[in-house]
């Protein structure tokens, strides 16, 4: 069976914001199909589509009301089939988001479940009696604020919602629920999808006894969710058996894969990645949040990759710097950069040199920055509720910028989120012919990764160098590359132990055995070279 995903570069598309084809200000499937040539021109292997299923859009599609149909905002099943066919013609795999830890409260399953305690789907969601004083059954919080329990007067019970009130948690302890969800996955496999990105994969099971979570002493975040160790509301060992059922399903098809989103950090993240990808009967890989933070140090990147390799040696990681849930990395890490463009180029070089599977977020190839939005422009529930301390996720979700026409070529009308001048200035057309553009740098770096077996599948060994230098060897057999990055807005000089040659689209100068790295410079050197700061 082809394991195409092991060294793949995946391009994440946020459908609402990629391309509007019908003038309603919202991106759609025909729009994505129209722009697939751009994606293919980058040299990536696959696209990942954020949710496109029927939804009330309380959480922008992560609240699904029909798992086997396309929301009319995005098009039709025929539009989806056309997208898959065109992607495959271009050599692109298609991965879709599966949101099965919870559904929308408008899903027919929940509409039936909430009616009474004795209907056919009464046990399809997580219901619990109140405490004697009427309060929720335990202390579990919602990720989006407040308790994770909502009262339903018809049943005189609470239901669990780890996210919005409108996103009730499915009860995967119920085998019928598991069977129904696996059936929806088979529906899309039969339509030709090549894989699934599994949203909140560590939330599938809850503690059957509904025990209280213990407190967490390290709760520096501005929300209450991190005041607890979530040992009972998620990360449950019972998850493994269901992951095995999912893997058995995908193994019925050729060359399909699953990547699970693990929204954890540190030792917990490594432990879950190890558990969820061990052997060949669970997930193919896990999508880590470790590099989606504000930390930008050589120690952090070194510690993260080494931590996974040492703590989860059988695990396969999928790394990214940006996605639809976090500030864009060019903005997050700008204090460490000479310019946004310098940060964008270095980030591409660094990420595409890491071991494992790589995920790029739309606009990243343009050096796109976070959009600064006012309160009246927001749509994201956490931002609307906790503004201004929590800015929310809208700033990274603004439309893709294609050209210098009104609305940046995304739409012929006012888009659902605004396109502002700092973002419009980075349009695709303005970077197509520029050899020094960020877009050109991404294409060159992806092509270089593809041409180098050490970067695709090689082992990784880090060099012990002081901040701000990150350096490591990537090697397979007698093919070795030395990868060097100056994580600083200041120039740096290193001395090589042996003579070597620069290779690839390096941004550095080599004179004899002296390597000069400009601000945010980087270099690939032929051979296993040692370096002295």
Protein backbone atom coordinates (compact mmCIF):
# COMPACT_ATOMS: atom_id res chain seq x y z
CA UNK A 1 0.00 0.00 0.00
CA UNK A 2 1.41 3.41 -1.01
CA UNK A 3 2.32 5.56 2.00
CA UNK A 4 2.29 8.81 0.01
CA UNK A 5 1.59 10.82 3.15
CA UNK A 6 4.90 10.07 4.92
CA UNK A 7 6.87 12.86 3.21
CA UNK A 8 3.94 14.82 1.79
CA UNK A 9 3.46 18.56 1.71
CA UNK A 10 -0.24 19.30 2.37
CA UNK A 11 -1.91 22.62 1.54
CA UNK A 12 -4.80 23.60 3.82
CA UNK A 13 -7.70 25.41 2.16
CA UNK A 14 -10.25 27.31 4.24
CA UNK A 15 -13.18 27.10 1.78
CA UNK A 16 -15.02 30.24 2.93
CA UNK A 17 -11.96 32.31 2.12
CA UNK A 18 -10.29 30.79 -0.93
CA UNK A 19 -12.35 31.83 -3.96
CA UNK A 20 -15.94 32.98 -4.41
CA UNK A 21 -17.39 31.85 -7.76
CA UNK A 22 -20.99 33.08 -7.49
CA UNK A 23 -20.68 36.60 -6.08
CA UNK A 24 -22.12 36.03 -2.61
CA UNK A 25 -18.90 37.01 -0.81
CA UNK A 26 -18.23 33.48 0.45
CA UNK A 27 -15.73 31.04 -1.04
CA UNK A 28 -17.07 27.81 -2.52
CA UNK A 29 -16.12 24.53 -4.17
CA UNK A 30 -16.22 25.75 -7.80
CA UNK A 31 -13.96 28.59 -6.70
CA UNK A 32 -11.48 26.13 -5.20
CA UNK A 33 -11.57 24.05 -8.38
CA UNK A 34 -10.83 27.17 -10.42
CA UNK A 35 -7.74 27.92 -8.33
CA UNK A 36 -6.28 24.42 -8.08
CA UNK A 37 -3.71 25.25 -10.77
CA UNK A 38 -2.16 27.71 -8.33
CA UNK A 39 -1.98 25.06 -5.63
CA UNK A 40 -0.47 22.51 -8.00
CA UNK A 41 2.11 25.08 -9.15
CA UNK A 42 3.54 25.16 -5.63
CA UNK A 43 4.57 21.52 -5.93
CA UNK A 44 2.50 20.26 -2.99
CA UNK A 45 1.07 16.74 -2.81
CA UNK A 46 -2.39 17.22 -1.34
CA UNK A 47 -5.07 19.66 -0.28
CA UNK A 48 -6.91 19.60 3.03
CA UNK A 49 -10.39 21.15 2.97
CA UNK A 50 -11.77 22.57 6.19
CA UNK A 51 -15.43 21.52 6.73
CA UNK A 52 -17.77 21.82 3.75
CA UNK A 53 -20.73 19.82 5.10
CA UNK A 54 -24.26 21.08 5.74
CA UNK A 55 -24.14 23.32 8.82
CA UNK A 56 -25.88 26.22 10.58
CA UNK A 57 -22.35 27.77 10.65
CA UNK A 58 -22.37 28.65 14.34
CA UNK A 59 -18.70 27.61 14.29
CA UNK A 60 -18.06 28.06 10.58
CA UNK A 61 -18.82 24.48 9.60
CA UNK A 62 -17.37 22.71 12.62
CA UNK A 63 -21.00 22.18 13.67
CA UNK A 64 -22.26 19.59 11.18
CA UNK A 65 -25.96 18.98 10.63
CA UNK A 66 -25.56 16.50 7.73
CA UNK A 67 -22.35 14.50 7.40
CA UNK A 68 -23.17 13.27 3.88
CA UNK A 69 -23.98 16.45 1.99
CA UNK A 70 -22.38 19.76 1.01
CA UNK A 71 -23.61 23.00 2.52
CA UNK A 72 -25.34 25.11 -0.17
CA UNK A 73 -22.96 27.96 0.66
CA UNK A 74 -20.17 25.87 -0.83
CA UNK A 75 -22.04 24.10 -3.65
CA UNK A 76 -23.28 20.60 -4.31
CA UNK A 77 -22.07 17.01 -4.25
CA UNK A 78 -21.56 17.33 -8.01
CA UNK A 79 -19.28 20.33 -7.35
CA UNK A 80 -17.34 18.24 -4.86
CA UNK A 81 -16.97 15.39 -7.32
CA UNK A 82 -15.71 17.84 -9.95
CA UNK A 83 -13.18 19.25 -7.46
CA UNK A 84 -11.87 15.78 -6.61
CA UNK A 85 -11.57 14.86 -10.28
CA UNK A 86 -9.67 18.05 -11.12
CA UNK A 87 -7.39 17.68 -8.11
CA UNK A 88 -6.56 14.12 -9.09
CA UNK A 89 -5.90 15.22 -12.68
CA UNK A 90 -3.35 17.68 -11.27
CA UNK A 91 -1.74 14.99 -9.10
CA UNK A 92 -3.20 16.34 -5.86
CA UNK A 93 -4.67 14.13 -3.14
CA UNK A 94 -7.82 15.38 -1.37
CA UNK A 95 -8.18 15.32 2.43
CA UNK A 96 -11.39 16.43 4.15
CA UNK A 97 -12.09 17.50 7.72
CA UNK A 98 -14.11 15.03 9.78
CA UNK A 99 -15.79 16.58 12.83
CA UNK A 100 -17.19 13.60 14.70
CA UNK A 101 -16.57 14.34 18.36
CA UNK A 102 -19.68 16.52 18.22
CA UNK A 103 -22.41 17.52 15.79
CA UNK A 104 -24.62 20.56 15.37
CA UNK A 105 -27.63 20.81 17.64
CA UNK A 106 -29.61 21.00 14.38
CA UNK A 107 -28.53 17.50 13.33
CA UNK A 108 -31.57 15.17 13.13
CA UNK A 109 -29.83 12.79 15.52
CA UNK A 110 -29.75 15.43 18.25
CA UNK A 111 -33.22 16.75 17.43
CA UNK A 112 -34.52 13.25 18.24
CA UNK A 113 -32.21 12.61 21.18
CA UNK A 114 -33.24 15.72 23.08
CA UNK A 115 -36.96 14.94 22.91
CA UNK A 116 -37.05 12.26 25.62
CA UNK A 117 -35.06 9.66 27.52
CA UNK A 118 -36.62 6.69 25.71
CA UNK A 119 -36.44 7.40 21.96
CA UNK A 120 -34.29 5.45 19.48
CA UNK A 121 -31.41 7.93 19.77
CA UNK A 122 -31.82 8.86 23.41
CA UNK A 123 -28.29 7.65 24.16
CA UNK A 124 -26.57 9.05 21.04
CA UNK A 125 -25.32 12.12 22.92
CA UNK A 126 -23.81 12.60 26.38
CA UNK A 127 -26.64 13.19 28.85
CA UNK A 128 -26.42 13.43 32.64
CA UNK A 129 -28.71 14.18 35.55
CA UNK A 130 -28.15 17.38 37.52
CA UNK A 131 -26.66 17.44 40.96
CA UNK A 132 -29.23 17.54 43.80
CA UNK A 133 -29.00 21.34 43.80
CA UNK A 134 -29.66 21.53 40.02
CA UNK A 135 -26.09 22.37 39.03
CA UNK A 136 -24.22 20.57 36.21
CA UNK A 137 -22.99 17.04 36.96
CA UNK A 138 -19.31 17.98 37.16
CA UNK A 139 -16.78 20.78 36.74
CA UNK A 140 -15.88 20.30 33.08
CA UNK A 141 -15.53 23.61 31.18
CA UNK A 142 -16.19 24.42 27.55
CA UNK A 143 -13.21 25.39 25.41
CA UNK A 144 -15.20 28.46 24.37
CA UNK A 145 -15.99 29.60 27.92
CA UNK A 146 -18.40 28.68 30.68
CA UNK A 147 -19.46 25.17 31.72
CA UNK A 148 -19.48 22.32 29.22
CA UNK A 149 -23.07 21.45 30.13
CA UNK A 150 -26.40 22.82 28.89
CA UNK A 151 -29.82 22.13 30.39
CA UNK A 152 -32.53 20.46 28.30
CA UNK A 153 -35.91 20.86 30.02
CA UNK A 154 -37.64 18.17 27.94
CA UNK A 155 -35.37 15.49 29.36
CA UNK A 156 -34.60 17.32 32.59
CA UNK A 157 -30.96 16.54 31.97
CA UNK A 158 -27.79 18.28 30.91
CA UNK A 159 -25.97 17.52 27.67
CA UNK A 160 -22.22 17.81 27.20
CA UNK A 161 -20.72 20.33 24.77
CA UNK A 162 -16.96 20.70 24.87
CA UNK A 163 -17.24 23.66 22.51
CA UNK A 164 -20.30 25.81 21.72
CA UNK A 165 -23.71 25.13 23.23
CA UNK A 166 -24.78 24.42 19.66
CA UNK A 167 -22.18 21.62 19.39
CA UNK A 168 -23.43 18.71 21.55
CA UNK A 169 -20.95 15.88 22.06
CA UNK A 170 -21.75 12.54 20.47
CA UNK A 171 -21.70 9.53 22.77
CA UNK A 172 -19.10 7.24 21.26
CA UNK A 173 -19.57 4.76 24.09
CA UNK A 174 -22.63 3.78 22.04
CA UNK A 175 -21.66 1.27 19.33
CA UNK A 176 -24.53 2.45 17.11
CA UNK A 177 -23.05 5.95 17.11
CA UNK A 178 -19.67 4.58 16.11
CA UNK A 179 -21.26 2.58 13.29
CA UNK A 180 -23.15 5.63 12.02
CA UNK A 181 -20.01 7.79 12.02
CA UNK A 182 -17.98 5.11 10.24
CA UNK A 183 -20.75 4.98 7.68
CA UNK A 184 -20.37 8.67 6.95
CA UNK A 185 -16.64 8.21 6.48
CA UNK A 186 -17.24 5.35 4.04
CA UNK A 187 -19.56 7.65 2.09
CA UNK A 188 -16.68 10.04 1.38
CA UNK A 189 -14.13 7.29 0.78
CA UNK A 190 -16.45 5.92 -1.89
CA UNK A 191 -16.49 9.40 -3.49
CA UNK A 192 -12.72 9.28 -3.85
CA UNK A 193 -11.28 11.25 -0.95
CA UNK A 194 -7.72 10.27 -0.10
CA UNK A 195 -7.77 10.94 3.62
CA UNK A 196 -9.29 12.56 6.68
CA UNK A 197 -8.11 15.25 9.01
CA UNK A 198 -9.81 14.28 12.27
CA UNK A 199 -10.87 17.33 14.24
CA UNK A 200 -10.37 17.18 18.02
CA UNK A 201 -9.48 13.50 17.81
CA UNK A 202 -8.63 13.28 21.52
CA UNK A 203 -12.15 14.42 22.52
CA UNK A 204 -14.02 11.37 21.22
CA UNK A 205 -14.46 9.67 24.59
CA UNK A 206 -15.26 11.00 28.03
CA UNK A 207 -14.97 9.37 31.44
CA UNK A 208 -18.04 7.17 31.86
CA UNK A 209 -18.23 8.08 35.58
CA UNK A 210 -18.13 11.82 34.81
CA UNK A 211 -15.47 12.47 37.44
CA UNK A 212 -14.32 16.04 38.10
CA UNK A 213 -11.12 17.18 36.43
CA UNK A 214 -8.34 18.10 38.89
CA UNK A 215 -6.98 21.67 38.95
CA UNK A 216 -3.94 22.73 36.96
CA UNK A 217 -1.43 25.04 38.66
CA UNK A 218 -0.08 26.48 35.36
CA UNK A 219 -2.98 28.43 33.96
CA UNK A 220 -1.44 31.54 32.45
CA UNK A 221 -3.97 31.80 29.61
CA UNK A 222 -6.70 34.49 29.77
CA UNK A 223 -9.47 31.86 29.75
CA UNK A 224 -10.62 29.41 32.42
CA UNK A 225 -10.27 26.26 30.31
CA UNK A 226 -6.63 25.81 31.25
CA UNK A 227 -7.40 25.93 34.98
CA UNK A 228 -7.88 22.16 34.80
CA UNK A 229 -5.99 19.01 33.85
CA UNK A 230 -8.47 17.50 31.40
CA UNK A 231 -7.89 13.90 32.37
CA UNK A 232 -11.57 12.92 32.43
CA UNK A 233 -13.21 15.12 29.80
CA UNK A 234 -10.80 14.04 27.01
CA UNK A 235 -7.60 12.07 26.30
CA UNK A 236 -9.29 8.88 27.45
CA UNK A 237 -7.68 5.47 26.81
CA UNK A 238 -10.98 4.15 25.44
CA UNK A 239 -10.30 6.21 22.32
CA UNK A 240 -7.80 3.65 21.02
CA UNK A 241 -10.35 0.95 20.22
CA UNK A 242 -12.37 3.34 18.07
CA UNK A 243 -9.26 4.55 16.25
CA UNK A 244 -8.61 0.92 15.37
CA UNK A 245 -12.08 0.63 13.88
CA UNK A 246 -11.43 3.75 11.81
CA UNK A 247 -8.09 2.40 10.61
CA UNK A 248 -9.68 -0.89 9.60
CA UNK A 249 -12.15 1.09 7.50
CA UNK A 250 -9.51 3.14 5.70
CA UNK A 251 -7.41 0.02 5.11
CA UNK A 252 -10.30 -1.34 3.04
CA UNK A 253 -9.30 1.29 0.48
CA UNK A 254 -6.00 1.79 -1.29
CA UNK A 255 -3.57 4.52 -0.20
CA UNK A 256 -5.88 6.36 2.21
CA UNK A 257 -4.77 8.05 5.42
CA UNK A 258 -5.93 9.70 8.64
CA UNK A 259 -4.25 12.53 10.51
CA UNK A 260 -5.57 13.37 13.97
CA UNK A 261 -5.62 16.87 15.42
CA UNK A 262 -4.16 16.70 18.94
CA UNK A 263 -4.77 20.04 20.61
CA UNK A 264 -2.30 19.51 23.44
CA UNK A 265 1.26 20.54 24.25
CA UNK A 266 4.35 19.22 25.99
CA UNK A 267 4.48 15.73 27.44
CA UNK A 268 0.73 15.20 27.06
CA UNK A 269 0.95 15.87 23.33
CA UNK A 270 3.86 13.44 22.91
CA UNK A 271 2.10 10.73 24.93
CA UNK A 272 -1.07 11.00 22.87
CA UNK A 273 0.82 11.04 19.58
CA UNK A 274 2.63 7.88 20.66
CA UNK A 275 -0.60 6.14 21.72
CA UNK A 276 -2.61 7.17 18.66
CA UNK A 277 -0.01 6.22 16.00
CA UNK A 278 1.64 3.14 17.54
CA UNK A 279 1.89 0.14 15.23
CA UNK A 280 -0.07 -0.09 12.01
CA UNK A 281 -3.64 -0.32 13.29
CA UNK A 282 -4.35 3.22 14.55
CA UNK A 283 -3.91 6.68 13.01
CA UNK A 284 -1.32 7.18 10.29
CA UNK A 285 -0.10 10.40 11.92
CA UNK A 286 -0.97 13.20 14.32
CA UNK A 287 -1.18 16.93 13.70
CA UNK A 288 0.74 18.70 16.44
CA UNK A 289 0.07 22.15 17.95
CA UNK A 290 3.59 22.48 19.34
CA UNK A 291 4.80 24.90 16.65
CA UNK A 292 1.67 27.06 16.58
CA UNK A 293 2.76 29.12 19.58
CA UNK A 294 4.57 32.45 19.87
CA UNK A 295 7.82 30.79 20.92
CA UNK A 296 10.55 31.18 18.32
CA UNK A 297 13.80 29.77 19.65
CA UNK A 298 16.19 27.11 18.48
CA UNK A 299 15.65 25.30 21.78
CA UNK A 300 11.89 25.13 21.23
CA UNK A 301 12.08 23.62 17.75
CA UNK A 302 14.88 21.25 18.75
CA UNK A 303 13.11 20.17 21.95
CA UNK A 304 9.79 19.64 20.13
CA UNK A 305 11.15 17.41 17.39
CA UNK A 306 13.50 15.50 19.68
CA UNK A 307 10.72 15.10 22.22
CA UNK A 308 8.50 13.35 19.68
CA UNK A 309 11.33 11.16 18.36
CA UNK A 310 12.38 10.11 21.86
CA UNK A 311 9.00 9.94 23.55
CA UNK A 312 7.07 8.52 20.60
CA UNK A 313 9.62 6.77 18.38
CA UNK A 314 6.94 5.05 16.29
CA UNK A 315 4.87 8.20 15.86
CA UNK A 316 4.63 10.10 12.62
CA UNK A 317 4.13 13.84 13.05
CA UNK A 318 2.54 16.44 10.81
CA UNK A 319 4.07 19.88 11.45
CA UNK A 320 2.69 23.30 10.62
CA UNK A 321 3.38 26.90 11.60
CA UNK A 322 -0.07 28.34 10.80
CA UNK A 323 -3.66 27.21 10.39
CA UNK A 324 -7.23 28.52 10.61
CA UNK A 325 -7.19 28.66 14.42
CA UNK A 326 -4.07 30.69 15.28
CA UNK A 327 -2.37 33.99 14.46
CA UNK A 328 -0.41 33.70 11.23
CA UNK A 329 3.21 32.88 12.00
CA UNK A 330 4.71 35.82 10.09
CA UNK A 331 2.88 38.11 12.52
CA UNK A 332 3.47 35.92 15.60
CA UNK A 333 7.22 35.78 15.05
CA UNK A 334 7.81 39.24 13.55
CA UNK A 335 9.76 40.47 16.64
CA UNK A 336 12.43 37.94 15.64
CA UNK A 337 12.62 39.06 12.02
CA UNK A 338 14.28 41.71 9.91
CA UNK A 339 11.04 41.96 7.89
CA UNK A 340 7.85 39.98 7.24
CA UNK A 341 9.37 38.73 3.98
CA UNK A 342 12.54 37.55 5.71
CA UNK A 343 10.47 35.67 8.28
CA UNK A 344 8.27 34.11 5.59
CA UNK A 345 11.26 32.82 3.60
CA UNK A 346 13.04 31.46 6.64
CA UNK A 347 9.88 29.81 7.95
CA UNK A 348 9.43 28.03 4.63
CA UNK A 349 13.04 26.83 4.60
CA UNK A 350 12.87 25.63 8.19
CA UNK A 351 9.48 23.91 8.09
CA UNK A 352 10.25 22.16 4.81
CA UNK A 353 13.50 20.84 6.29
CA UNK A 354 11.78 19.21 9.28
CA UNK A 355 11.20 15.44 9.39
CA UNK A 356 7.68 14.18 8.90
CA UNK A 357 4.72 15.50 6.95
CA UNK A 358 4.39 19.24 6.35
CA UNK A 359 1.20 21.30 6.27
CA UNK A 360 0.99 24.78 4.76
CA UNK A 361 -1.96 27.12 5.31
CA UNK A 362 -3.43 29.10 2.42
CA UNK A 363 -1.69 32.46 1.97
CA UNK A 364 1.40 31.27 3.79
CA UNK A 365 3.11 31.00 0.41
CA UNK A 366 2.52 34.75 -0.03
CA UNK A 367 4.02 35.72 3.31
CA UNK A 368 0.53 36.66 4.45
CA UNK A 369 0.14 38.48 7.77
CA UNK A 370 -2.61 38.53 10.37
CA UNK A 371 -5.48 40.92 9.59
CA UNK A 372 -6.24 43.51 12.26
CA UNK A 373 -10.03 43.57 12.69
CA UNK A 374 -12.37 45.81 14.64
CA UNK A 375 -15.10 44.39 16.85
CA UNK A 376 -17.86 45.12 14.32
CA UNK A 377 -16.01 43.02 11.71
CA UNK A 378 -15.78 39.86 13.81
CA UNK A 379 -17.66 36.60 13.30
CA UNK A 380 -15.76 34.22 15.61
CA UNK A 381 -17.73 33.25 18.78
CA UNK A 382 -14.81 33.39 21.28
CA UNK A 383 -13.75 36.82 20.02
CA UNK A 384 -17.29 38.18 20.17
CA UNK A 385 -17.62 36.91 23.72
CA UNK A 386 -14.23 37.85 25.18
CA UNK A 387 -13.07 40.83 23.11
CA UNK A 388 -10.60 42.54 23.36
CA UNK A 389 -8.47 40.19 25.48
CA UNK A 390 -9.13 37.31 23.07
CA UNK A 391 -8.85 38.40 19.43
CA UNK A 392 -10.27 35.18 18.03
CA UNK A 393 -9.58 33.42 14.76
CA UNK A 394 -11.00 35.77 12.14
CA UNK A 395 -7.68 37.53 11.57
CA UNK A 396 -6.14 34.43 9.98
CA UNK A 397 -9.28 33.56 8.02
CA UNK A 398 -9.61 36.64 5.81
CA UNK A 399 -9.87 35.97 2.07
CA UNK A 400 -7.07 34.81 -0.18
CA UNK A 401 -5.62 37.66 -2.24
CA UNK A 402 -5.25 36.90 -5.94
CA UNK A 403 -4.84 40.20 -7.82
CA UNK A 404 -5.20 43.98 -7.61
CA UNK A 405 -8.89 44.11 -8.55
CA UNK A 406 -11.56 45.07 -6.00
CA UNK A 407 -11.70 42.56 -3.16
CA UNK A 408 -8.34 41.18 -4.35
CA UNK A 409 -9.91 38.88 -6.94
CA UNK A 410 -11.56 36.80 -4.24
CA UNK A 411 -15.09 38.01 -4.99
CA UNK A 412 -17.05 40.51 -7.04
CA UNK A 413 -18.85 41.71 -3.92
CA UNK A 414 -18.08 42.54 -0.30
CA UNK A 415 -16.57 39.39 1.25
CA UNK A 416 -17.66 37.82 4.51
CA UNK A 417 -14.46 39.12 6.14
CA UNK A 418 -12.68 42.22 4.84
CA UNK A 419 -9.60 42.27 2.66
CA UNK A 420 -7.41 45.06 4.00
CA UNK A 421 -4.53 46.84 2.33
CA UNK A 422 -1.64 45.10 4.17
CA UNK A 423 -3.01 41.75 3.04
CA UNK A 424 -4.03 42.87 -0.49
CA UNK A 425 -0.46 44.05 -1.08
CA UNK A 426 0.70 40.42 -1.04
CA UNK A 427 -1.49 39.24 -3.93
CA UNK A 428 -0.50 36.28 -6.09
CA UNK A 429 -0.24 38.31 -9.30
CA UNK A 430 2.23 40.71 -7.71
CA UNK A 431 4.56 37.82 -6.87
CA UNK A 432 4.28 35.57 -9.91
CA UNK A 433 7.25 36.94 -11.84
CA UNK A 434 9.48 38.00 -8.97
CA UNK A 435 12.42 35.71 -8.32
CA UNK A 436 12.85 37.41 -4.94
CA UNK A 437 9.18 37.07 -3.96
CA UNK A 438 7.96 34.91 -1.09
CA UNK A 439 5.87 32.90 -3.56
CA UNK A 440 8.98 32.11 -5.61
CA UNK A 441 10.81 31.14 -2.44
CA UNK A 442 8.07 28.67 -1.49
CA UNK A 443 8.06 27.07 -4.92
CA UNK A 444 11.85 26.77 -4.91
CA UNK A 445 11.99 25.38 -1.39
CA UNK A 446 9.25 22.81 -1.97
CA UNK A 447 11.01 21.71 -5.17
CA UNK A 448 14.30 21.42 -3.28
CA UNK A 449 12.68 19.29 -0.56
CA UNK A 450 11.20 17.03 -3.22
CA UNK A 451 14.60 16.58 -4.87
CA UNK A 452 16.42 15.63 -1.66
CA UNK A 453 15.83 12.21 -0.09
CA UNK A 454 17.49 13.35 3.17
CA UNK A 455 14.82 16.05 3.61
CA UNK A 456 11.99 13.74 2.63
CA UNK A 457 12.76 10.63 4.66
CA UNK A 458 16.15 11.10 6.31
CA UNK A 459 17.04 10.70 9.99
CA UNK A 460 17.55 13.86 12.04
CA UNK A 461 20.44 14.71 14.37
CA UNK A 462 20.63 18.13 16.02
CA UNK A 463 23.86 20.07 16.48
CA UNK A 464 24.60 21.63 19.85
CA UNK A 465 24.83 25.34 19.05
CA UNK A 466 23.84 28.39 21.11
CA UNK A 467 20.87 30.63 20.36
CA UNK A 468 19.84 31.87 17.91
CA UNK A 469 21.26 29.12 15.68
CA UNK A 470 19.20 26.03 14.85
CA UNK A 471 21.18 23.37 13.00
CA UNK A 472 20.72 19.69 12.29
CA UNK A 473 21.75 16.91 9.95
CA UNK A 474 19.19 15.13 7.78
CA UNK A 475 20.54 11.94 6.29
CA UNK A 476 19.73 8.67 4.63
CA UNK A 477 22.59 6.27 3.88
CA UNK A 478 25.53 8.24 2.52
CA UNK A 479 23.35 11.23 1.59
CA UNK A 480 23.46 13.91 4.29
CA UNK A 481 22.48 17.58 4.37
CA UNK A 482 23.37 20.06 7.10
CA UNK A 483 20.51 22.52 7.68
CA UNK A 484 21.36 25.82 9.38
CA UNK A 485 19.03 28.66 10.42
CA UNK A 486 19.74 32.04 12.02
CA UNK A 487 16.61 32.74 14.10
CA UNK A 488 17.52 36.39 14.57
CA UNK A 489 17.17 39.82 12.91
CA UNK A 490 20.95 40.16 13.29
CA UNK A 491 23.64 38.60 11.07
CA UNK A 492 25.59 35.60 12.35
CA UNK A 493 28.85 33.89 11.41
CA UNK A 494 29.76 30.22 11.85
CA UNK A 495 32.91 28.22 11.18
CA UNK A 496 32.68 24.89 9.37
CA UNK A 497 34.71 21.90 10.53
CA UNK A 498 35.28 20.84 6.92
CA UNK A 499 34.89 22.30 3.50
CA UNK A 500 31.40 22.08 2.12
CA UNK A 501 29.24 23.55 -0.61
CA UNK A 502 26.02 25.50 -0.32
CA UNK A 503 23.12 23.85 -2.06
CA UNK A 504 19.49 24.62 -2.76
CA UNK A 505 17.96 28.09 -2.41
CA UNK A 506 20.19 28.99 0.54
CA UNK A 507 20.29 32.57 1.81
CA UNK A 508 23.87 32.68 3.08
CA UNK A 509 27.44 33.24 1.89
CA UNK A 510 30.29 30.74 2.17
CA UNK A 511 33.94 31.81 2.02
CA UNK A 512 36.29 28.93 2.65
CA UNK A 513 35.09 27.51 5.92
CA UNK A 514 33.27 30.66 7.09
CA UNK A 515 29.49 30.64 6.75
CA UNK A 516 27.86 34.07 6.91
CA UNK A 517 24.15 34.11 7.63
CA UNK A 518 22.23 37.36 7.09
CA UNK A 519 19.31 38.27 9.36
CA UNK A 520 16.94 35.29 9.24
CA UNK A 521 19.37 33.62 6.88
CA UNK A 522 19.52 29.89 6.24
CA UNK A 523 21.74 27.41 4.49
CA UNK A 524 21.78 23.84 3.29
CA UNK A 525 25.27 22.34 3.12
CA UNK A 526 26.28 19.14 1.36
CA UNK A 527 27.51 16.57 3.84
CA UNK A 528 27.49 16.10 7.63
CA UNK A 529 29.29 19.31 8.56
CA UNK A 530 30.07 20.33 12.16
CA UNK A 531 29.78 24.01 13.04
CA UNK A 532 31.30 26.37 15.60
CA UNK A 533 29.62 29.60 16.65
